[in-house]
Amino acid sequence: MIKAHYDEITLCKYDLEEMITEIDKEYKNQQELIQTILGFKNLLTALRVISEIGIDMNQFPTAGYLCS
């Protein structure tokens, strides 16, 4: 039973990795720019930033608005 659960989780992990790879293709340029910032080297961290604030920085009049 534990082995079957482990196998199911492993399959889910591979599915998630494929989904992340697809998302990364769509936002590759933005992801690479974010990863140039100190502390944002991890792919998932960069994608989290994109998911939280988006890619259109025009919505923030100043950097202060983004940070607040």
N, C-alpha and C. Protein backbone atom coordinates (compact mmCIF):
# COMPACT_ATOMS: atom_id res chain seq x y z
N MET A 1 0.81 -1.19 0.00
CA MET A 1 0.00 0.00 0.00
C MET A 1 0.86 1.26 0.00
N ILE A 2 1.91 1.28 0.80
CA ILE A 2 2.81 2.43 0.83
C ILE A 2 3.52 2.59 -0.51
N LYS A 3 3.93 1.48 -1.10
CA LYS A 3 4.61 1.51 -2.40
C LYS A 3 3.68 2.09 -3.47
N ALA A 4 2.43 1.70 -3.46
CA ALA A 4 1.47 2.22 -4.44
C ALA A 4 1.29 3.72 -4.26
N HIS A 5 1.22 4.17 -3.02
CA HIS A 5 1.08 5.60 -2.74
C HIS A 5 2.33 6.35 -3.22
N TYR A 6 3.49 5.79 -2.96
CA TYR A 6 4.75 6.39 -3.41
C TYR A 6 4.77 6.51 -4.93
N ASP A 7 4.37 5.45 -5.61
CA ASP A 7 4.34 5.46 -7.07
C ASP A 7 3.39 6.53 -7.61
N GLU A 8 2.25 6.69 -6.96
CA GLU A 8 1.28 7.71 -7.37
C GLU A 8 1.85 9.11 -7.18
N ILE A 9 2.51 9.34 -6.07
CA ILE A 9 3.13 10.64 -5.81
C ILE A 9 4.24 10.91 -6.82
N THR A 10 5.00 9.90 -7.16
CA THR A 10 6.07 10.05 -8.15
C THR A 10 5.49 10.44 -9.51
N LEU A 11 4.39 9.82 -9.90
CA LEU A 11 3.74 10.18 -11.16
C LEU A 11 3.24 11.63 -11.12
N CYS A 12 2.68 12.03 -10.00
CA CYS A 12 2.23 13.42 -9.86
C CYS A 12 3.40 14.38 -9.97
N LYS A 13 4.53 14.00 -9.41
CA LYS A 13 5.72 14.84 -9.47
C LYS A 13 6.15 15.04 -10.93
N TYR A 14 6.16 13.98 -11.70
CA TYR A 14 6.55 14.09 -13.10
C TYR A 14 5.55 14.95 -13.88
N ASP A 15 4.27 14.79 -13.58
CA ASP A 15 3.26 15.62 -14.25
C ASP A 15 3.46 17.09 -13.93
N LEU A 16 3.74 17.39 -12.66
CA LEU A 16 3.99 18.78 -12.26
C LEU A 16 5.23 19.34 -12.94
N GLU A 17 6.28 18.53 -13.05
CA GLU A 17 7.50 18.98 -13.71
C GLU A 17 7.22 19.32 -15.18
N GLU A 18 6.40 18.52 -15.84
CA GLU A 18 6.04 18.80 -17.23
C GLU A 18 5.24 20.10 -17.33
N MET A 19 4.31 20.31 -16.41
CA MET A 19 3.51 21.53 -16.41
C MET A 19 4.39 22.76 -16.18
N ILE A 20 5.33 22.65 -15.26
CA ILE A 20 6.24 23.76 -14.98
C ILE A 20 7.10 24.06 -16.20
N THR A 21 7.55 23.04 -16.88
CA THR A 21 8.35 23.22 -18.09
C THR A 21 7.55 23.96 -19.15
N GLU A 22 6.27 23.62 -19.30
CA GLU A 22 5.42 24.31 -20.28
C GLU A 22 5.22 25.77 -19.90
N ILE A 23 4.98 26.04 -18.63
CA ILE A 23 4.81 27.42 -18.17
C ILE A 23 6.10 28.20 -18.40
N ASP A 24 7.22 27.56 -18.11
CA ASP A 24 8.52 28.22 -18.27
C ASP A 24 8.76 28.63 -19.71
N LYS A 25 8.31 27.82 -20.66
CA LYS A 25 8.49 28.17 -22.08
C LYS A 25 7.78 29.48 -22.41
N GLU A 26 6.59 29.65 -21.86
CA GLU A 26 5.78 30.83 -22.16
C GLU A 26 6.40 32.11 -21.58
N TYR A 27 7.05 31.98 -20.44
CA TYR A 27 7.59 33.15 -19.74
C TYR A 27 9.12 33.11 -19.64
N LYS A 28 9.76 32.48 -20.60
CA LYS A 28 11.22 32.26 -20.54
C LYS A 28 12.00 33.57 -20.39
N ASN A 29 11.69 34.57 -21.20
CA ASN A 29 12.43 35.84 -21.12
C ASN A 29 12.28 36.50 -19.76
N GLN A 30 11.04 36.55 -19.26
CA GLN A 30 10.80 37.17 -17.96
C GLN A 30 11.47 36.38 -16.84
N GLN A 31 11.39 35.08 -16.94
CA GLN A 31 12.01 34.20 -15.93
C GLN A 31 13.51 34.42 -15.89
N GLU A 32 14.14 34.53 -17.05
CA GLU A 32 15.59 34.74 -17.09
C GLU A 32 15.96 36.10 -16.50
N LEU A 33 15.15 37.12 -16.76
CA LEU A 33 15.42 38.44 -16.17
C LEU A 33 15.31 38.41 -14.65
N ILE A 34 14.26 37.77 -14.16
CA ILE A 34 14.08 37.68 -12.70
C ILE A 34 15.25 36.93 -12.07
N GLN A 35 15.75 35.91 -12.74
CA GLN A 35 16.84 35.12 -12.18
C GLN A 35 18.17 35.87 -12.15
N THR A 36 18.24 37.05 -12.76
CA THR A 36 19.46 37.86 -12.65
C THR A 36 19.50 38.62 -11.34
N ILE A 37 18.37 38.66 -10.61
CA ILE A 37 18.31 39.36 -9.32
C ILE A 37 18.89 38.45 -8.25
N LEU A 38 19.73 39.01 -7.41
CA LEU A 38 20.34 38.26 -6.32
C LEU A 38 19.26 37.60 -5.46
N GLY A 39 19.38 36.31 -5.26
CA GLY A 39 18.42 35.57 -4.44
C GLY A 39 17.28 34.94 -5.22
N PHE A 40 17.26 35.13 -6.54
CA PHE A 40 16.18 34.60 -7.37
C PHE A 40 16.72 33.64 -8.44
N LYS A 41 17.70 32.84 -8.10
CA LYS A 41 18.33 31.95 -9.07
C LYS A 41 17.48 30.72 -9.40
N ASN A 42 16.61 30.34 -8.49
CA ASN A 42 15.80 29.14 -8.66
C ASN A 42 14.66 29.39 -9.65
N LEU A 43 14.44 28.45 -10.55
CA LEU A 43 13.37 28.57 -11.55
C LEU A 43 12.02 28.74 -10.88
N LEU A 44 11.73 27.93 -9.87
CA LEU A 44 10.42 28.02 -9.22
C LEU A 44 10.22 29.36 -8.53
N THR A 45 11.28 29.92 -7.98
CA THR A 45 11.18 31.23 -7.35
C THR A 45 10.81 32.28 -8.39
N ALA A 46 11.46 32.23 -9.53
CA ALA A 46 11.16 33.19 -10.60
C ALA A 46 9.72 33.04 -11.07
N LEU A 47 9.26 31.82 -11.23
CA LEU A 47 7.88 31.60 -11.67
C LEU A 47 6.87 32.04 -10.60
N ARG A 48 7.24 31.91 -9.33
CA ARG A 48 6.36 32.41 -8.26
C ARG A 48 6.20 33.92 -8.35
N VAL A 49 7.30 34.61 -8.62
CA VAL A 49 7.24 36.06 -8.76
C VAL A 49 6.31 36.43 -9.91
N ILE A 50 6.46 35.75 -11.03
CA ILE A 50 5.60 36.01 -12.19
C ILE A 50 4.14 35.74 -11.85
N SER A 51 3.88 34.67 -11.12
CA SER A 51 2.49 34.34 -10.79
C SER A 51 1.88 35.34 -9.81
N GLU A 52 2.71 35.92 -8.96
CA GLU A 52 2.20 36.87 -7.95
C GLU A 52 1.99 38.27 -8.51
N ILE A 53 2.95 38.77 -9.30
CA ILE A 53 2.86 40.17 -9.73
C ILE A 53 2.63 40.32 -11.23
N GLY A 54 2.73 39.24 -11.97
CA GLY A 54 2.52 39.31 -13.41
C GLY A 54 3.76 39.79 -14.14
N ILE A 55 3.61 40.07 -15.43
CA ILE A 55 4.75 40.49 -16.24
C ILE A 55 4.65 41.93 -16.71
N ASP A 56 3.51 42.57 -16.47
CA ASP A 56 3.31 43.95 -16.89
C ASP A 56 3.59 44.89 -15.72
N MET A 57 4.77 45.48 -15.71
CA MET A 57 5.16 46.36 -14.61
C MET A 57 4.54 47.75 -14.72
N ASN A 58 3.85 48.03 -15.83
CA ASN A 58 3.19 49.32 -16.00
C ASN A 58 2.06 49.53 -14.98
N GLN A 59 1.61 48.46 -14.38
CA GLN A 59 0.55 48.58 -13.37
C GLN A 59 1.07 49.21 -12.07
N PHE A 60 2.39 49.31 -11.94
CA PHE A 60 3.00 49.92 -10.75
C PHE A 60 3.63 51.25 -11.15
N PRO A 61 3.08 52.38 -10.70
CA PRO A 61 3.62 53.69 -11.08
C PRO A 61 5.08 53.88 -10.65
N THR A 62 5.43 53.31 -9.51
CA THR A 62 6.81 53.41 -9.01
C THR A 62 7.19 52.07 -8.38
N ALA A 63 8.48 51.91 -8.12
CA ALA A 63 8.95 50.69 -7.45
C ALA A 63 8.33 50.56 -6.06
N GLY A 64 8.04 51.69 -5.44
CA GLY A 64 7.42 51.68 -4.12
C GLY A 64 6.06 51.00 -4.11
N TYR A 65 5.29 51.19 -5.19
CA TYR A 65 3.98 50.54 -5.28
C TYR A 65 4.15 49.03 -5.37
N LEU A 66 5.15 48.60 -6.09
CA LEU A 66 5.40 47.16 -6.21
C LEU A 66 5.79 46.58 -4.86
N CYS A 67 6.59 47.30 -4.11
CA CYS A 67 7.10 46.79 -2.84
C CYS A 67 6.07 46.84 -1.71
N SER A 68 5.02 47.61 -1.87
CA SER A 68 4.07 47.75 -0.76
C SER A 68 3.00 46.68 -0.77
